[in-house]
Amino acid sequence: MTVSEAVTLLEGQFFFGEDQADREVSSACGSDLMSDVMAFVKDRVLLLTGLVNPQVIRTASLLDIHAIIFVRGKVPSRDMVEMAEEADIVLGGTKHPMFISCGKLYEAGLRTGGTRAI
């Protein structure tokens, strides 16, 4: 699945990186705890979160996550968008809650990918 397909499926929008939304994702991680995200290190991950602060971008960058979708109608700040641009991370958003978003992606075939060594 591509990031663009995921955002469309979730009836979402892009905040940054729509021109790079053809990136493939093979797994997703839904969490508001960045410590849980760090424990879920996989290849080609789509991060879903309702947490809107710079730590999300820093964590994604550290783990080589190239796409984030904010759930529950959350909108990143201008500073976060600038950080994402510098880190080459696509940002999207949806009004759906986390549970529904993860369920829609799973139903569409997005499954857990292989674990990556860190």
Protein backbone atom coordinates (compact mmCIF):
# COMPACT_ATOMS: atom_id res chain seq x y z
CA MET A 1 0.00 0.00 0.00
CA THR A 2 1.20 3.53 -0.66
CA VAL A 3 0.92 6.43 1.75
CA SER A 4 -1.44 8.09 -0.73
CA GLU A 5 -3.72 5.04 -0.73
CA ALA A 6 -3.73 5.01 3.08
CA VAL A 7 -4.66 8.70 3.32
CA THR A 8 -7.41 8.24 0.72
CA LEU A 9 -8.75 5.16 2.51
CA LEU A 10 -8.89 7.12 5.76
CA GLU A 11 -10.66 10.04 4.01
CA GLY A 12 -7.74 12.19 5.08
CA GLN A 13 -5.63 15.04 3.90
CA PHE A 14 -1.95 15.86 3.54
CA PHE A 15 -0.11 18.44 5.61
CA PHE A 16 3.22 17.88 3.88
CA GLY A 17 4.73 15.61 1.25
CA GLU A 18 1.80 14.78 -1.00
CA ASP A 19 4.27 14.76 -3.90
CA GLN A 20 6.12 11.90 -2.14
CA ALA A 21 3.00 9.95 -1.16
CA ASP A 22 3.73 7.12 -3.59
CA ARG A 23 6.03 5.63 -0.95
CA GLU A 24 5.21 2.03 -0.12
CA VAL A 25 4.36 1.02 3.44
CA SER A 26 4.20 -2.61 4.53
CA SER A 27 3.21 -2.20 8.18
CA ALA A 28 1.59 0.29 10.50
CA CYS A 29 2.04 1.27 14.11
CA GLY A 30 -0.75 3.05 15.97
CA SER A 31 0.35 4.65 19.24
CA ASP A 32 0.39 7.84 21.24
CA LEU A 33 3.37 6.59 23.26
CA MET A 34 6.64 7.14 21.43
CA SER A 35 8.32 4.52 23.65
CA ASP A 36 5.92 1.94 22.18
CA VAL A 37 6.77 3.14 18.68
CA MET A 38 10.46 2.65 19.42
CA ALA A 39 9.72 -0.96 20.44
CA PHE A 40 7.90 -1.57 17.13
CA VAL A 41 10.82 -1.09 14.77
CA LYS A 42 9.84 -2.44 11.33
CA ASP A 43 10.64 -1.66 7.72
CA ARG A 44 8.44 0.72 5.70
CA VAL A 45 6.22 1.74 8.62
CA LEU A 46 3.25 4.08 8.58
CA LEU A 47 2.89 5.71 12.00
CA LEU A 48 -0.62 6.61 13.19
CA THR A 49 -0.81 8.83 16.26
CA GLY A 50 -2.93 11.38 18.02
CA LEU A 51 0.10 12.89 19.69
CA VAL A 52 0.93 16.24 18.14
CA ASN A 53 4.30 17.47 19.34
CA PRO A 54 7.84 17.66 17.93
CA GLN A 55 8.83 14.41 19.66
CA VAL A 56 6.73 12.51 17.11
CA ILE A 57 8.82 13.87 14.25
CA ARG A 58 12.07 13.24 16.15
CA THR A 59 11.07 9.63 16.90
CA ALA A 60 10.01 8.97 13.31
CA SER A 61 13.27 10.42 12.02
CA LEU A 62 15.33 8.36 14.44
CA LEU A 63 13.55 5.14 13.37
CA ASP A 64 13.59 5.95 9.65
CA ILE A 65 9.78 6.20 9.49
CA HIS A 66 8.87 8.22 6.40
CA ALA A 67 5.12 8.72 6.90
CA ILE A 68 2.88 9.82 9.77
CA ILE A 69 -0.91 10.11 9.84
CA PHE A 70 -2.42 12.08 12.70
CA VAL A 71 -5.77 10.70 13.88
CA ARG A 72 -8.79 12.28 15.60
CA GLY A 73 -8.56 15.44 13.52
CA LYS A 74 -5.23 16.48 15.02
CA VAL A 75 -3.21 19.02 13.03
CA PRO A 76 0.57 19.43 13.30
CA SER A 77 2.03 22.82 14.11
CA ARG A 78 3.98 24.81 11.54
CA ASP A 79 7.18 23.90 13.40
CA MET A 80 6.34 20.20 13.11
CA VAL A 81 5.68 20.54 9.38
CA GLU A 82 9.05 22.27 8.95
CA MET A 83 10.76 19.50 10.94
CA ALA A 84 9.05 16.87 8.77
CA GLU A 85 10.19 18.66 5.63
CA GLU A 86 13.79 18.65 6.87
CA ALA A 87 13.54 14.95 7.78
CA ASP A 88 11.72 14.01 4.54
CA ILE A 89 8.66 12.67 6.37
CA VAL A 90 5.20 12.72 4.75
CA LEU A 91 2.47 14.07 7.06
CA GLY A 92 -1.22 13.32 6.72
CA GLY A 93 -4.27 13.42 8.89
CA THR A 94 -7.71 11.91 9.34
CA LYS A 95 -10.74 12.69 11.47
CA HIS A 96 -11.17 8.99 12.27
CA PRO A 97 -10.10 7.75 15.71
CA MET A 98 -7.10 5.45 16.08
CA PHE A 99 -9.13 2.24 16.37
CA ILE A 100 -11.14 2.88 13.19
CA SER A 101 -8.05 4.04 11.27
CA CYS A 102 -6.06 0.93 12.16
CA GLY A 103 -9.06 -1.28 11.38
CA LYS A 104 -9.58 0.28 7.95
CA LEU A 105 -5.91 -0.18 7.06
CA TYR A 106 -5.92 -3.79 8.27
CA GLU A 107 -9.11 -4.54 6.37
CA ALA A 108 -7.48 -3.11 3.24
CA GLY A 109 -4.59 -5.56 3.58
CA LEU A 110 -1.91 -3.63 5.45
CA ARG A 111 -0.22 -6.17 7.70
CA THR A 112 2.84 -6.29 9.90
CA GLY A 113 6.11 -6.33 7.97
CA GLY A 114 9.42 -7.89 8.90
CA THR A 115 11.34 -6.70 11.93
CA ARG A 116 14.36 -4.54 11.27
CA ALA A 117 17.50 -4.83 13.36
CA ILE A 118 18.56 -1.63 15.08
